[in-house]
Amino acid sequence: MDDAALEILACETAYRGFFRIDRYRLRQRHHDGWTPELTREVIVQPDAVGVLLYDPDRDTVVLIEQLRLPAHLAGFPARQIEIVAGLIDTDEDAAAVAIREVGEETGLALIGDLLPIRRFQTSPGGSTETVTVFCGRVDSRTAAGLHGLADEHEEIRVLAVSAAAALAMLESGAITNSLALLALYWLAANRTALQRDWPKIG
């Protein structure tokens, strides 16, 4: 980013709850000069991780399903089909958080190292949230049941589906979560390579 294209004049915290909202006063440099002073609110969110779980031996994807209030409010199904995901605390490593979230949300153990897919912003026009997405290898034969942290009132249902079925859900619009969309499109492009490069283990 060209930092000279922005001039931040002031910032104050307008709201602090589960997330924080900061209000900025700023100017932007356009091709014909500086804009007048503008006011913009920014949702300040922790960084996050997502993990696409894939079993190359059985060509199976492990997804999760849980309730999401914002999806419901936006007119999408309240029960969202997603990949494993979680927030990063300030001093945590993204890969370590990913490994922990896989255990909490699915009860599965990862096989080998995580494979980085992409780091990106989910909504750069309004939020600071940055997500690092990985692919992780699992044995899908025991993927089932309800998981999540009781003290956070989570009820996460684990879904083991064929890769073909997961991609069909993607194309039909049954999956609307952005992390899952990105990860499954990546799988569609890299599925053959994963089956070739990850040796069969049983």
C-alpha atoms as a PDB file:
ATOM      1  CA  MET A   1       0.000   0.000   0.000  1.00  0.00           C
ATOM      2  CA  ASP A   2       1.144   3.543  -0.751  1.00  0.00           C
ATOM      3  CA  ASP A   3       0.879   5.103   2.718  1.00  0.00           C
ATOM      4  CA  ALA A   4       1.092   8.564   1.165  1.00  0.00           C
ATOM      5  CA  ALA A   5      -2.371   7.970  -0.340  1.00  0.00           C
ATOM      6  CA  LEU A   6      -3.956   8.246   3.122  1.00  0.00           C
ATOM      7  CA  GLU A   7      -3.697  10.842   5.850  1.00  0.00           C
ATOM      8  CA  ILE A   8      -5.212   9.765   9.177  1.00  0.00           C
ATOM      9  CA  LEU A   9      -6.226  12.834  11.158  1.00  0.00           C
ATOM     10  CA  ALA A  10      -7.697  11.205  14.261  1.00  0.00           C
ATOM     11  CA  CYS A  11      -9.009   7.910  15.642  1.00  0.00           C
ATOM     12  CA  GLU A  12     -11.319   7.076  18.538  1.00  0.00           C
ATOM     13  CA  THR A  13     -12.929   3.858  19.755  1.00  0.00           C
ATOM     14  CA  ALA A  14     -16.665   4.183  19.163  1.00  0.00           C
ATOM     15  CA  TYR A  15     -17.683   0.776  20.551  1.00  0.00           C
ATOM     16  CA  ARG A  16     -16.045  -2.070  22.411  1.00  0.00           C
ATOM     17  CA  GLY A  17     -17.790  -5.452  22.736  1.00  0.00           C
ATOM     18  CA  PHE A  18     -17.097  -8.861  21.208  1.00  0.00           C
ATOM     19  CA  PHE A  19     -15.477  -6.803  18.447  1.00  0.00           C
ATOM     20  CA  ARG A  20     -14.282  -3.207  18.520  1.00  0.00           C
ATOM     21  CA  ILE A  21     -15.319  -0.381  16.215  1.00  0.00           C
ATOM     22  CA  ASP A  22     -12.902   2.507  15.683  1.00  0.00           C
ATOM     23  CA  ARG A  23     -13.972   5.770  14.087  1.00  0.00           C
ATOM     24  CA  TYR A  24     -11.394   7.484  11.875  1.00  0.00           C
ATOM     25  CA  ARG A  25     -11.150  10.983  10.475  1.00  0.00           C
ATOM     26  CA  LEU A  26      -9.009  10.942   7.342  1.00  0.00           C
ATOM     27  CA  ARG A  27      -8.293  12.269   3.894  1.00  0.00           C
ATOM     28  CA  GLN A  28      -7.560  10.262   0.738  1.00  0.00           C
ATOM     29  CA  ARG A  29      -5.322  11.263  -2.141  1.00  0.00           C
ATOM     30  CA  HIS A  30      -7.067  10.925  -5.514  1.00  0.00           C
ATOM     31  CA  HIS A  31      -5.576  11.542  -8.954  1.00  0.00           C
ATOM     32  CA  ASP A  32      -6.701  15.178  -8.801  1.00  0.00           C
ATOM     33  CA  GLY A  33      -5.712  15.947  -5.215  1.00  0.00           C
ATOM     34  CA  TRP A  34      -6.889  15.400  -1.656  1.00  0.00           C
ATOM     35  CA  THR A  35     -10.492  14.663  -0.693  1.00  0.00           C
ATOM     36  CA  PRO A  36     -12.259  16.667   2.007  1.00  0.00           C
ATOM     37  CA  GLU A  37     -12.093  15.210   5.507  1.00  0.00           C
ATOM     38  CA  LEU A  38     -13.955  11.864   5.677  1.00  0.00           C
ATOM     39  CA  THR A  39     -15.274   9.785   8.579  1.00  0.00           C
ATOM     40  CA  ARG A  40     -15.019   6.002   8.411  1.00  0.00           C
ATOM     41  CA  GLU A  41     -15.817   3.276  10.953  1.00  0.00           C
ATOM     42  CA  VAL A  42     -13.621   0.166  10.981  1.00  0.00           C
ATOM     43  CA  ILE A  43     -14.453  -3.124  12.719  1.00  0.00           C
ATOM     44  CA  VAL A  44     -11.290  -4.195  14.533  1.00  0.00           C
ATOM     45  CA  GLN A  45     -11.154  -7.999  14.678  1.00  0.00           C
ATOM     46  CA  PRO A  46      -8.480 -10.514  15.673  1.00  0.00           C
ATOM     47  CA  ASP A  47      -6.804 -12.421  12.886  1.00  0.00           C
ATOM     48  CA  ALA A  48      -8.195 -15.884  12.218  1.00  0.00           C
ATOM     49  CA  VAL A  49      -7.328 -19.259  10.718  1.00  0.00           C
ATOM     50  CA  GLY A  50      -9.276 -21.723   8.605  1.00  0.00           C
ATOM     51  CA  VAL A  51      -8.464 -25.375   7.895  1.00  0.00           C
ATOM     52  CA  LEU A  52      -9.739 -27.452   4.988  1.00  0.00           C
ATOM     53  CA  LEU A  53      -9.625 -31.082   6.144  1.00  0.00           C
ATOM     54  CA  TYR A  54      -8.997 -33.598   3.366  1.00  0.00           C
ATOM     55  CA  ASP A  55      -8.517 -37.364   3.328  1.00  0.00           C
ATOM     56  CA  PRO A  56      -6.735 -38.188   0.049  1.00  0.00           C
ATOM     57  CA  ASP A  57      -6.934 -41.948   0.615  1.00  0.00           C
ATOM     58  CA  ARG A  58     -10.741 -41.823   0.549  1.00  0.00           C
ATOM     59  CA  ASP A  59     -11.113 -38.597  -1.459  1.00  0.00           C
ATOM     60  CA  THR A  60     -13.205 -37.223   1.407  1.00  0.00           C
ATOM     61  CA  VAL A  61     -13.619 -33.716   2.811  1.00  0.00           C
ATOM     62  CA  VAL A  62     -14.469 -33.093   6.460  1.00  0.00           C
ATOM     63  CA  LEU A  63     -16.687 -30.038   6.922  1.00  0.00           C
ATOM     64  CA  ILE A  64     -18.557 -28.643   9.911  1.00  0.00           C
ATOM     65  CA  GLU A  65     -22.007 -27.158  10.421  1.00  0.00           C
ATOM     66  CA  GLN A  66     -22.970 -24.615  13.062  1.00  0.00           C
ATOM     67  CA  LEU A  67     -25.436 -21.795  13.724  1.00  0.00           C
ATOM     68  CA  ARG A  68     -24.459 -18.284  12.596  1.00  0.00           C
ATOM     69  CA  LEU A  69     -26.621 -15.310  13.565  1.00  0.00           C
ATOM     70  CA  PRO A  70     -25.157 -12.886  10.961  1.00  0.00           C
ATOM     71  CA  ALA A  71     -25.838 -15.384   8.164  1.00  0.00           C
ATOM     72  CA  HIS A  72     -29.457 -15.633   9.302  1.00  0.00           C
ATOM     73  CA  LEU A  73     -29.780 -11.838   9.443  1.00  0.00           C
ATOM     74  CA  ALA A  74     -28.357 -11.559   5.917  1.00  0.00           C
ATOM     75  CA  GLY A  75     -30.944 -13.968   4.512  1.00  0.00           C
ATOM     76  CA  PHE A  76     -28.710 -17.043   4.301  1.00  0.00           C
ATOM     77  CA  PRO A  77     -29.291 -20.348   6.127  1.00  0.00           C
ATOM     78  CA  ALA A  78     -28.602 -19.985   9.855  1.00  0.00           C
ATOM     79  CA  ARG A  79     -26.891 -23.392   9.835  1.00  0.00           C
ATOM     80  CA  GLN A  80     -23.750 -22.722   7.844  1.00  0.00           C
ATOM     81  CA  ILE A  81     -21.555 -25.404   6.285  1.00  0.00           C
ATOM     82  CA  GLU A  82     -17.974 -24.341   6.872  1.00  0.00           C
ATOM     83  CA  ILE A  83     -14.381 -25.415   7.256  1.00  0.00           C
ATOM     84  CA  VAL A  84     -12.771 -25.475  10.702  1.00  0.00           C
ATOM     85  CA  ALA A  85     -11.872 -21.940  11.811  1.00  0.00           C
ATOM     86  CA  GLY A  86     -10.934 -19.943  14.882  1.00  0.00           C
ATOM     87  CA  LEU A  87      -9.502 -16.672  16.161  1.00  0.00           C
ATOM     88  CA  ILE A  88      -5.820 -16.043  16.868  1.00  0.00           C
ATOM     89  CA  ASP A  89      -4.798 -14.534  20.196  1.00  0.00           C
ATOM     90  CA  THR A  90      -2.129 -11.856  19.949  1.00  0.00           C
ATOM     91  CA  ASP A  91       0.834 -14.067  20.854  1.00  0.00           C
ATOM     92  CA  GLU A  92      -0.240 -17.227  19.031  1.00  0.00           C
ATOM     93  CA  ASP A  93       1.122 -18.813  15.865  1.00  0.00           C
ATOM     94  CA  ALA A  94      -1.458 -19.332  13.115  1.00  0.00           C
ATOM     95  CA  ALA A  95      -0.502 -22.981  12.529  1.00  0.00           C
ATOM     96  CA  ALA A  96      -0.693 -23.790  16.248  1.00  0.00           C
ATOM     97  CA  VAL A  97      -4.167 -22.256  16.446  1.00  0.00           C
ATOM     98  CA  ALA A  98      -5.232 -24.250  13.390  1.00  0.00           C
ATOM     99  CA  ILE A  99      -4.115 -27.519  14.979  1.00  0.00           C
ATOM    100  CA  ARG A 100      -5.959 -26.717  18.205  1.00  0.00           C
ATOM    101  CA  GLU A 101      -9.162 -25.720  16.403  1.00  0.00           C
ATOM    102  CA  VAL A 102      -9.211 -28.965  14.408  1.00  0.00           C
ATOM    103  CA  GLY A 103      -9.187 -30.930  17.660  1.00  0.00           C
ATOM    104  CA  GLU A 104     -11.831 -28.765  19.349  1.00  0.00           C
ATOM    105  CA  GLU A 105     -14.237 -28.629  16.411  1.00  0.00           C
ATOM    106  CA  THR A 106     -13.899 -32.146  14.985  1.00  0.00           C
ATOM    107  CA  GLY A 107     -12.101 -34.370  17.482  1.00  0.00           C
ATOM    108  CA  LEU A 108      -9.677 -35.375  14.709  1.00  0.00           C
ATOM    109  CA  ALA A 109      -5.882 -35.384  14.719  1.00  0.00           C
ATOM    110  CA  LEU A 110      -3.969 -33.959  11.788  1.00  0.00           C
ATOM    111  CA  ILE A 111      -1.601 -36.215   9.850  1.00  0.00           C
ATOM    112  CA  GLY A 112       1.676 -34.499   8.992  1.00  0.00           C
ATOM    113  CA  ASP A 113       2.197 -30.795   8.488  1.00  0.00           C
ATOM    114  CA  LEU A 114      -0.357 -28.210   7.487  1.00  0.00           C
ATOM    115  CA  LEU A 115      -0.233 -27.015   3.896  1.00  0.00           C
ATOM    116  CA  PRO A 116      -0.671 -23.230   3.548  1.00  0.00           C
ATOM    117  CA  ILE A 117      -3.345 -22.175   1.048  1.00  0.00           C
ATOM    118  CA  ARG A 118      -3.709 -18.387   1.306  1.00  0.00           C
ATOM    119  CA  ARG A 119      -3.710 -15.396   3.641  1.00  0.00           C
ATOM    120  CA  PHE A 120      -6.332 -12.769   2.819  1.00  0.00           C
ATOM    121  CA  GLN A 121      -8.760 -10.176   4.188  1.00  0.00           C
ATOM    122  CA  THR A 122     -12.422 -11.116   4.414  1.00  0.00           C
ATOM    123  CA  SER A 123     -13.842  -7.589   4.109  1.00  0.00           C
ATOM    124  CA  PRO A 124     -11.128  -4.964   3.491  1.00  0.00           C
ATOM    125  CA  GLY A 125     -13.693  -2.202   3.082  1.00  0.00           C
ATOM    126  CA  GLY A 126     -14.892  -2.448   6.676  1.00  0.00           C
ATOM    127  CA  SER A 127     -12.853  -4.838   8.816  1.00  0.00           C
ATOM    128  CA  THR A 128      -9.226  -5.469   9.781  1.00  0.00           C
ATOM    129  CA  GLU A 129      -9.792  -9.255   9.902  1.00  0.00           C
ATOM    130  CA  THR A 130      -7.102 -11.287   8.157  1.00  0.00           C
ATOM    131  CA  VAL A 131      -7.494 -15.048   7.683  1.00  0.00           C
ATOM    132  CA  THR A 132      -4.792 -17.644   7.046  1.00  0.00           C
ATOM    133  CA  VAL A 133      -6.220 -20.781   5.434  1.00  0.00           C
ATOM    134  CA  PHE A 134      -4.494 -24.167   5.496  1.00  0.00           C
ATOM    135  CA  CYS A 135      -5.179 -27.642   4.164  1.00  0.00           C
ATOM    136  CA  GLY A 136      -4.761 -30.451   6.685  1.00  0.00           C
ATOM    137  CA  ARG A 137      -4.691 -34.173   6.130  1.00  0.00           C
ATOM    138  CA  VAL A 138      -6.959 -36.378   8.257  1.00  0.00           C
ATOM    139  CA  ASP A 139      -8.337 -39.896   8.444  1.00  0.00           C
ATOM    140  CA  SER A 140     -12.020 -39.267   7.790  1.00  0.00           C
ATOM    141  CA  ARG A 141     -13.239 -42.696   8.958  1.00  0.00           C
ATOM    142  CA  THR A 142     -13.870 -41.430  12.506  1.00  0.00           C
ATOM    143  CA  ALA A 143     -15.216 -38.008  11.489  1.00  0.00           C
ATOM    144  CA  ALA A 144     -18.684 -37.723  13.026  1.00  0.00           C
ATOM    145  CA  GLY A 145     -20.718 -36.397  15.932  1.00  0.00           C
ATOM    146  CA  LEU A 146     -21.090 -33.094  17.752  1.00  0.00           C
ATOM    147  CA  HIS A 147     -18.107 -31.122  19.000  1.00  0.00           C
ATOM    148  CA  GLY A 148     -17.124 -27.663  20.260  1.00  0.00           C
ATOM    149  CA  LEU A 149     -16.476 -25.984  23.600  1.00  0.00           C
ATOM    150  CA  ALA A 150     -19.274 -26.299  26.140  1.00  0.00           C
ATOM    151  CA  ASP A 151     -18.301 -23.058  27.904  1.00  0.00           C
ATOM    152  CA  GLU A 152     -18.760 -21.201  24.602  1.00  0.00           C
ATOM    153  CA  HIS A 153     -22.111 -22.957  23.979  1.00  0.00           C
ATOM    154  CA  GLU A 154     -20.833 -24.415  20.721  1.00  0.00           C
ATOM    155  CA  GLU A 155     -22.620 -27.259  18.953  1.00  0.00           C
ATOM    156  CA  ILE A 156     -20.597 -28.138  15.882  1.00  0.00           C
ATOM    157  CA  ARG A 157     -21.737 -31.026  13.702  1.00  0.00           C
ATOM    158  CA  VAL A 158     -19.033 -32.833  11.747  1.00  0.00           C
ATOM    159  CA  LEU A 159     -19.782 -33.817   8.150  1.00  0.00           C
ATOM    160  CA  ALA A 160     -17.603 -36.260   6.193  1.00  0.00           C
ATOM    161  CA  VAL A 161     -18.548 -36.079   2.509  1.00  0.00           C
ATOM    162  CA  SER A 162     -16.909 -37.151  -0.711  1.00  0.00           C
ATOM    163  CA  ALA A 163     -14.888 -34.466  -2.451  1.00  0.00           C
ATOM    164  CA  ALA A 164     -17.279 -34.726  -5.394  1.00  0.00           C
ATOM    165  CA  ALA A 165     -20.244 -34.102  -3.086  1.00  0.00           C
ATOM    166  CA  ALA A 166     -18.498 -31.139  -1.426  1.00  0.00           C
ATOM    167  CA  LEU A 167     -17.759 -29.565  -4.803  1.00  0.00           C
ATOM    168  CA  ALA A 168     -21.352 -30.181  -5.885  1.00  0.00           C
ATOM    169  CA  MET A 169     -22.546 -28.372  -2.737  1.00  0.00           C
ATOM    170  CA  LEU A 170     -20.222 -25.536  -3.687  1.00  0.00           C
ATOM    171  CA  GLU A 171     -21.611 -25.253  -7.196  1.00  0.00           C
ATOM    172  CA  SER A 172     -25.251 -25.539  -6.074  1.00  0.00           C
ATOM    173  CA  GLY A 173     -24.917 -22.636  -3.635  1.00  0.00           C
ATOM    174  CA  ALA A 174     -25.378 -24.794  -0.537  1.00  0.00           C
ATOM    175  CA  ILE A 175     -22.087 -23.401   0.815  1.00  0.00           C
ATOM    176  CA  THR A 176     -22.002 -19.615   1.252  1.00  0.00           C
ATOM    177  CA  ASN A 177     -19.211 -19.206   3.826  1.00  0.00           C
ATOM    178  CA  SER A 178     -16.310 -17.329   2.204  1.00  0.00           C
ATOM    179  CA  LEU A 179     -13.532 -19.388   3.803  1.00  0.00           C
ATOM    180  CA  ALA A 180     -15.159 -22.629   2.702  1.00  0.00           C
ATOM    181  CA  LEU A 181     -15.706 -21.256  -0.798  1.00  0.00           C
ATOM    182  CA  LEU A 182     -12.061 -20.282  -1.202  1.00  0.00           C
ATOM    183  CA  ALA A 183     -10.789 -23.549   0.277  1.00  0.00           C
ATOM    184  CA  LEU A 184     -13.016 -25.775  -1.844  1.00  0.00           C
ATOM    185  CA  TYR A 185     -12.195 -23.944  -5.060  1.00  0.00           C
ATOM    186  CA  TRP A 186      -8.537 -24.437  -4.119  1.00  0.00           C
ATOM    187  CA  LEU A 187      -9.241 -28.144  -3.580  1.00  0.00           C
ATOM    188  CA  ALA A 188     -10.866 -28.394  -6.988  1.00  0.00           C
ATOM    189  CA  ALA A 189      -7.645 -27.065  -8.530  1.00  0.00           C
ATOM    190  CA  ASN A 190      -5.255 -29.121  -6.363  1.00  0.00           C
ATOM    191  CA  ARG A 191      -7.103 -32.355  -5.573  1.00  0.00           C
ATOM    192  CA  THR A 192      -5.216 -34.513  -8.080  1.00  0.00           C
ATOM    193  CA  ALA A 193      -1.860 -33.189  -6.864  1.00  0.00           C
ATOM    194  CA  LEU A 194      -2.757 -33.922  -3.232  1.00  0.00           C
ATOM    195  CA  GLN A 195      -3.721 -37.501  -4.071  1.00  0.00           C
ATOM    196  CA  ARG A 196      -0.444 -37.904  -5.958  1.00  0.00           C
ATOM    197  CA  ASP A 197       1.880 -36.204  -3.477  1.00  0.00           C
ATOM    198  CA  TRP A 198       0.465 -37.432  -0.166  1.00  0.00           C
ATOM    199  CA  PRO A 199       1.483 -41.122   0.084  1.00  0.00           C
ATOM    200  CA  LYS A 200      -1.257 -43.601   0.893  1.00  0.00           C
ATOM    201  CA  ILE A 201      -1.265 -44.545   4.592  1.00  0.00           C
ATOM    202  CA  GLY A 202      -4.160 -46.981   4.849  1.00  0.00           C
END
